[in-house]
Amino acid sequence: MSESEIVGTPAGDARITWHPADTARAVLALGHGAGGGIETRDLRALAGALPAKGVTVALVEQPWRVAGKKVAPAPKTLDAAWTALWPALCSPGLPVVAGGRSAGARVACRTGKELGAHAVLALAFPLHPPGKPEKSRAGELTGAGLPTLVVQGGRDPFGRPEEFPAGTELVEVPSGDHGFAVPKRAETGPEQAGLHMNLLTEGVRGWLAGRGLSG
């Protein structure tokens, strides 16, 4: 059963929705993107699957979402809010993996090492704006300074798997877009969407297990 917690930050109140494991080995903290909240299919899938594997999942809503605003603030404001709520994420006294999808992944990469995160999980990392590969954000990813796993859709316009720097540890969701949706015309068919989410959750679980953070 999930539990919500309001945490004050310099940017306003943030909200953490906890999905606790009965016997937890780690906390996986996940922020949302700039275009949505914690209701996305990937965040829901991880929150549903990982507690049974010994990972408490904390879904974090940035203050702008809690306040009902539709436009995300500047990156430095997102980073400041994430930094302010970090002690709450550490409160269970467990190793914390910093993560998120899209803009949330960028926040985790920029702040994870300084905050003492054990690793970074980047879901749908926006490697560049659509159609503008020359405006690369690869430096944020490679500069994380921590073990990092990228989970990326095979047709993500913000960066396809083959565009990522050599050596990137990456799980591909075949035919997935930036939200990991699979088109009807995809070879596997729309009925395989559940299997694609299983691929995502198992990829993350296996990566965490390799670090002793998951069953």
Protein backbone atom coordinates (compact mmCIF):
# COMPACT_ATOMS: atom_id res chain seq x y z
CA MET A 1 0.00 0.00 0.00
CA SER A 2 1.39 3.41 -0.98
CA GLU A 3 1.86 6.28 1.45
CA SER A 4 2.25 9.98 0.62
CA GLU A 5 4.52 12.47 2.35
CA ILE A 6 4.74 16.24 1.83
CA VAL A 7 8.23 17.69 2.01
CA GLY A 8 9.00 21.41 2.02
CA THR A 9 11.62 22.73 -0.42
CA PRO A 10 12.81 26.22 -1.47
CA ALA A 11 10.57 25.87 -4.53
CA GLY A 12 7.47 24.89 -2.54
CA ASP A 13 6.04 21.63 -1.27
CA ALA A 14 7.09 18.41 -2.98
CA ARG A 15 5.32 15.09 -2.53
CA ILE A 16 6.82 11.63 -2.13
CA THR A 17 4.60 8.62 -2.71
CA TRP A 18 6.19 5.61 -1.05
CA HIS A 19 5.71 2.07 -2.31
CA PRO A 20 7.47 0.17 0.49
CA ALA A 21 9.01 -3.26 0.35
CA ASP A 22 8.37 -5.56 3.31
CA THR A 23 12.08 -6.29 3.65
CA ALA A 24 13.85 -3.54 1.75
CA ARG A 25 17.45 -3.53 0.60
CA ALA A 26 17.36 -0.14 -1.09
CA VAL A 27 15.26 2.86 -2.04
CA LEU A 28 14.77 3.73 -5.70
CA ALA A 29 13.82 7.42 -5.90
CA LEU A 30 12.18 8.40 -9.19
CA GLY A 31 11.34 11.87 -10.43
CA HIS A 32 8.97 12.61 -13.30
CA GLY A 33 9.49 14.46 -16.55
CA ALA A 34 8.68 17.99 -17.65
CA GLY A 35 5.53 16.95 -19.46
CA GLY A 36 3.80 14.80 -16.86
CA GLY A 37 3.78 13.42 -13.36
CA ILE A 38 4.23 10.10 -11.61
CA GLU A 39 1.36 8.47 -13.49
CA THR A 40 3.51 7.45 -16.48
CA ARG A 41 3.59 3.78 -17.46
CA ASP A 42 7.27 3.25 -16.62
CA LEU A 43 7.10 4.78 -13.15
CA ARG A 44 3.89 2.88 -12.36
CA ALA A 45 5.43 -0.37 -13.59
CA LEU A 46 8.52 -0.02 -11.41
CA ALA A 47 6.48 0.98 -8.36
CA GLY A 48 4.29 -2.07 -8.92
CA ALA A 49 7.04 -4.61 -9.52
CA LEU A 50 10.08 -3.76 -7.43
CA PRO A 51 8.76 -3.75 -3.83
CA ALA A 52 8.25 -7.51 -4.10
CA LYS A 53 11.94 -7.75 -4.98
CA GLY A 54 13.12 -5.88 -1.90
CA VAL A 55 13.23 -2.36 -3.35
CA THR A 56 11.18 0.45 -1.84
CA VAL A 57 10.14 2.80 -4.65
CA ALA A 58 9.67 6.50 -3.89
CA LEU A 59 7.87 8.45 -6.62
CA VAL A 60 8.71 12.13 -6.28
CA GLU A 61 6.48 14.98 -7.50
CA GLN A 62 8.31 18.24 -7.93
CA PRO A 63 6.73 21.35 -6.34
CA TRP A 64 5.50 22.73 -9.66
CA ARG A 65 3.39 19.61 -10.19
CA VAL A 66 2.10 19.62 -6.62
CA ALA A 67 1.07 23.25 -7.11
CA GLY A 68 -0.86 22.36 -10.26
CA LYS A 69 1.36 24.30 -12.66
CA LYS A 70 1.74 23.13 -16.25
CA VAL A 71 5.24 24.36 -17.05
CA ALA A 72 8.38 23.05 -15.37
CA PRO A 73 10.82 25.60 -13.91
CA ALA A 74 14.50 25.99 -14.77
CA PRO A 75 16.86 23.05 -14.17
CA LYS A 76 18.52 24.79 -11.20
CA THR A 77 15.12 25.04 -9.48
CA LEU A 78 14.43 21.35 -10.09
CA ASP A 79 17.88 20.47 -8.71
CA ALA A 80 17.35 22.64 -5.62
CA ALA A 81 14.02 21.01 -4.82
CA TRP A 82 15.44 17.50 -5.33
CA THR A 83 18.40 18.33 -3.10
CA ALA A 84 16.11 19.67 -0.36
CA LEU A 85 13.94 16.54 -0.28
CA TRP A 86 16.87 14.11 -0.45
CA PRO A 87 17.09 13.67 3.35
CA ALA A 88 13.52 12.37 3.32
CA LEU A 89 14.47 9.81 0.68
CA CYS A 90 17.37 8.71 2.90
CA SER A 91 15.18 8.48 6.02
CA PRO A 92 14.65 4.69 5.81
CA GLY A 93 18.41 4.35 6.35
CA LEU A 94 18.95 2.37 3.14
CA PRO A 95 21.12 2.87 0.04
CA VAL A 96 19.33 5.27 -2.32
CA VAL A 97 19.44 5.01 -6.10
CA ALA A 98 18.62 8.35 -7.71
CA GLY A 99 16.51 8.16 -10.84
CA GLY A 100 13.76 9.54 -12.95
CA ARG A 101 12.37 9.79 -16.43
CA SER A 102 13.36 12.43 -18.98
CA ALA A 103 13.92 15.73 -17.11
CA GLY A 104 13.87 13.75 -13.86
CA ALA A 105 16.73 11.61 -15.17
CA ARG A 106 18.74 14.74 -15.88
CA VAL A 107 18.19 15.95 -12.31
CA ALA A 108 19.40 12.59 -10.95
CA CYS A 109 22.52 12.70 -13.14
CA ARG A 110 23.39 16.27 -12.15
CA THR A 111 22.93 15.82 -8.41
CA GLY A 112 23.38 12.13 -7.59
CA LYS A 113 27.08 12.02 -6.74
CA GLU A 114 27.03 15.14 -4.55
CA LEU A 115 24.02 13.83 -2.64
CA GLY A 116 25.60 10.44 -1.99
CA ALA A 117 23.43 8.31 -4.24
CA HIS A 118 24.65 4.75 -4.83
CA ALA A 119 23.79 4.78 -8.53
CA VAL A 120 21.62 6.51 -11.14
CA LEU A 121 18.70 5.16 -13.17
CA ALA A 122 17.90 7.22 -16.27
CA LEU A 123 14.57 6.40 -17.92
CA ALA A 124 14.03 7.91 -21.38
CA PHE A 125 17.06 10.16 -21.02
CA PRO A 126 16.59 13.19 -23.33
CA LEU A 127 19.97 13.00 -25.03
CA HIS A 128 19.04 15.91 -27.31
CA PRO A 129 15.94 17.84 -28.40
CA PRO A 130 14.05 16.03 -31.18
CA GLY A 131 15.72 16.58 -34.52
CA LYS A 132 18.69 18.44 -32.98
CA PRO A 133 21.40 15.87 -32.22
CA GLU A 134 24.00 18.63 -32.24
CA LYS A 135 22.52 19.93 -28.96
CA SER A 136 23.72 16.94 -27.01
CA ARG A 137 23.23 16.49 -23.25
CA ALA A 138 25.57 13.51 -23.14
CA GLY A 139 27.84 15.39 -20.75
CA GLU A 140 25.18 15.26 -18.03
CA LEU A 141 24.96 11.50 -18.41
CA THR A 142 28.66 10.73 -18.63
CA GLY A 143 29.41 13.25 -15.90
CA ALA A 144 27.15 11.57 -13.33
CA GLY A 145 30.20 9.93 -11.76
CA LEU A 146 28.15 6.95 -10.58
CA PRO A 147 27.10 3.57 -12.01
CA THR A 148 24.30 4.53 -14.40
CA LEU A 149 21.69 2.51 -16.26
CA VAL A 150 19.78 4.03 -19.17
CA VAL A 151 16.45 2.53 -20.24
CA GLN A 152 15.56 3.90 -23.66
CA GLY A 153 12.86 3.36 -26.26
CA GLY A 154 14.09 2.10 -29.62
CA ARG A 155 12.44 4.99 -31.46
CA ASP A 156 12.76 7.74 -28.86
CA PRO A 157 13.06 11.05 -30.79
CA PHE A 158 15.04 12.48 -27.85
CA GLY A 159 17.78 9.92 -28.48
CA ARG A 160 17.75 6.41 -29.88
CA PRO A 161 19.82 3.73 -28.14
CA GLU A 162 22.50 3.73 -30.85
CA GLU A 163 23.11 7.46 -30.33
CA PHE A 164 24.36 7.08 -26.77
CA PRO A 165 28.08 7.27 -25.97
CA ALA A 166 30.07 4.07 -26.25
CA GLY A 167 30.14 2.17 -22.98
CA THR A 168 26.70 3.34 -21.82
CA GLU A 169 24.95 0.58 -19.88
CA LEU A 170 21.58 0.50 -21.61
CA VAL A 171 18.37 -1.53 -21.76
CA GLU A 172 16.41 -0.98 -24.97
CA VAL A 173 12.62 -1.16 -25.09
CA PRO A 174 12.08 -2.18 -28.74
CA SER A 175 9.85 0.16 -30.75
CA GLY A 176 9.17 2.26 -27.65
CA ASP A 177 8.83 6.03 -27.94
CA HIS A 178 9.80 8.62 -25.32
CA GLY A 179 6.98 7.37 -23.10
CA PHE A 180 7.74 3.71 -23.93
CA ALA A 181 4.53 3.40 -25.92
CA VAL A 182 4.63 0.83 -28.71
CA PRO A 183 2.86 1.72 -32.02
CA LYS A 184 0.20 -0.52 -33.50
CA ARG A 185 2.31 -0.94 -36.61
CA ALA A 186 5.22 -2.32 -34.59
CA GLU A 187 6.19 -5.85 -35.51
CA THR A 188 5.46 -7.15 -32.02
CA GLY A 189 1.95 -5.68 -32.03
CA PRO A 190 0.16 -3.58 -29.40
CA GLU A 191 -0.73 -6.64 -27.35
CA GLN A 192 2.96 -6.88 -26.39
CA ALA A 193 2.92 -3.59 -24.45
CA GLY A 194 2.79 -5.44 -21.14
CA LEU A 195 5.81 -7.49 -22.15
CA HIS A 196 7.69 -4.31 -22.96
CA MET A 197 7.07 -3.02 -19.45
CA ASN A 198 8.18 -6.39 -18.10
CA LEU A 199 11.40 -5.98 -20.09
CA LEU A 200 11.88 -2.58 -18.47
CA THR A 201 11.21 -3.71 -14.91
CA GLU A 202 13.30 -6.87 -15.24
CA GLY A 203 16.17 -4.92 -16.75
CA VAL A 204 16.14 -2.52 -13.80
CA ARG A 205 15.72 -5.32 -11.27
CA GLY A 206 18.64 -7.26 -12.71
CA TRP A 207 20.84 -4.19 -12.68
CA LEU A 208 19.97 -3.49 -9.05
CA ALA A 209 20.49 -7.15 -8.12
CA GLY A 210 23.96 -7.00 -9.64
CA ARG A 211 24.75 -4.34 -7.04
CA GLY A 212 23.20 -6.28 -4.17
CA LEU A 213 20.25 -3.90 -3.99
CA SER A 214 17.45 -6.21 -5.15
CA GLY A 215 16.29 -9.79 -4.85
